[in-house]
Amino acid sequence: MLLKFRLQNYRSVRDVQELTTLLAETRSPHGGFPVRFAHGGAVRVSPLVGVFGANASGKSTVLRALGSLRALAAAGSDAREAARRFEPFQLDPAARLLPTRFEVEFVLDGIRYVYGCAYKSGEIAGEWLHAHGRDRRRVWFERDRHTTRCLPEAGLDRLAAAVDPETTLLAFGADAEHPWLAPIAQWLGGLRRVRIAAGARLVADLDRLAARWSDQLTLLLTRADLGISGVDTSTSTLRLIHEGRSGPQPLGAYVESDGTIAWLDLLIELLHALDHGGVLLIDDLDAILHPVLLTEALRLLRDRDLNPARAQLIFTARSVPPAAEGAEVLEPDQCWYAVKGADGATSLVREGRAPEIGPGELARELWLAKQRLRP
C-alpha cells in the first residue's frame, strides 16, 4: 500500500510537498486498514485520500506527478519519454535550473520501500531505492550523474553500467526481469491514473465485470436513482433494465445518459481494483458524479470486506463530500488541501481556507467595473 509521496519542482509545486495516507488516529470503525511489517509492528493506512481546492490551486498536479513517477518506472521507451517531459516550476528562474524530484514510500510483502528519482530534460540526475527493516535501512542502489552504488548481493552492477542517462535503473531492470527490481516496478505500475468524464462514453469490459460482480453491480445501479431497475445478463452483451409503460425493457449502454455511462466507467475501475488492489488516481471526481454517487464510491473502498486487496483511491475535488446519514464520508486525516501562496507556488496543507470571493461578489465587481468604464 502507498504510505507517502513527496514531490518538488514540478509544475505549480516549487518546494517539497508531502502527501501521506498514514492515519495518526482512528475516530471511527472505517478509519483505515492495518498494515503489518514483516519485521514486526504495524501502521494504519487509509484507502482514501482526497485533495481539495479551488480551480488552478494545483490539486491535479499531485495526480499528474504520481502518473509521471509511474511512467519513469515503466518500460524503457515510456521512461525516456517521461524524462523528456521536464516541467519545473516556472515562476522562479532558479527552479528552472533544478531537477524535478519524486519520492514514494510503500509497503510490498511486508517490507517498506522508498524509491525516488530526480530528473531534468532527458537526463536522470539521481535515483535511489531503499528497503527498511526494523532497525536499519538497506540501500539497494543509489545513482547520480556520475556514479552508482549498489548492494553487492543485488547483482545490479552490470545493469547499472549498461543503463543510459535517459532511463531509470528501475525501468531498465524491470525490462531485464531482474528479480529484485521487477516487483518494485510492477507495484509502481499499479499507480493508475483513470480518466473518466461524462460524455466520453467508454464503458469497456462491462460484460466481463458483470460475471464477477453481477449482484453488486445490480445493487449499485438500481440504488443510484438513474432510472435503472435491474441488469440483464441473459445475452452476450450486458443490458440495463428500465421500467416502461409495457413493463421492463432491457436497453444497451449506447442509449444511456452521459452521467450513467460515467458511473458505469467508474464502477468498472473500482470493482477491478477491489479484486486486484493498486492505487487509482482520479481527477475532479465531484465534477463527474452526483454527491450521493460519490459517497457510495468512497464507501466501497473503505469497507474491509469488499476491499480485501486493500485498493486505494487518491482523488481531487473542489470540496469535501458532505456528511451522509449523520457520519462523515472522510476522516480529517484523509483530507488534504491544495493552496497557492502569493508567489504562485502550491502547498499541501491539512486545513482548508474559505474562498476569497464569496457568492455574488465577482458579478458585483464586474458590474462596478462596467459602471466605471461608462463615459
Foldseek 3Di string as FASTA:
>chain_A
DWAKKWKAFAEQAHHIAMDGQFDPDDDDPLRADWAAAPQGDITGGHQFFEAAADPLLCSVVVLVVLVLVLQLLAAFVSVLVSLQPFGGYDLDVVSLVFWIKMWTWDADPRWIKIWMWTGHRQFTAKIWIWIDHDPDIDTQWIDGPPDIDHDVVQPCPVLVVPDDGSHDSLNSCLVVVRVVSVVVSVQSNLAAEDEFAQPPQDQPCLLVVCVVCVPVVQVLVCVQPQQFNGWDNPDSAIFTWHQDPVGIDTDHPVPGGSLSSRLSVLCVVLLVCLVAAGEYEYEAPCNNHPLVSVLVSLVQQSDCVSRVVNHHYYYYHHDQRDDDPPHGSDDLSSYWYWGADPSSHTHIDSDDDDDPADPPRVVVVVVVVVVVPDD
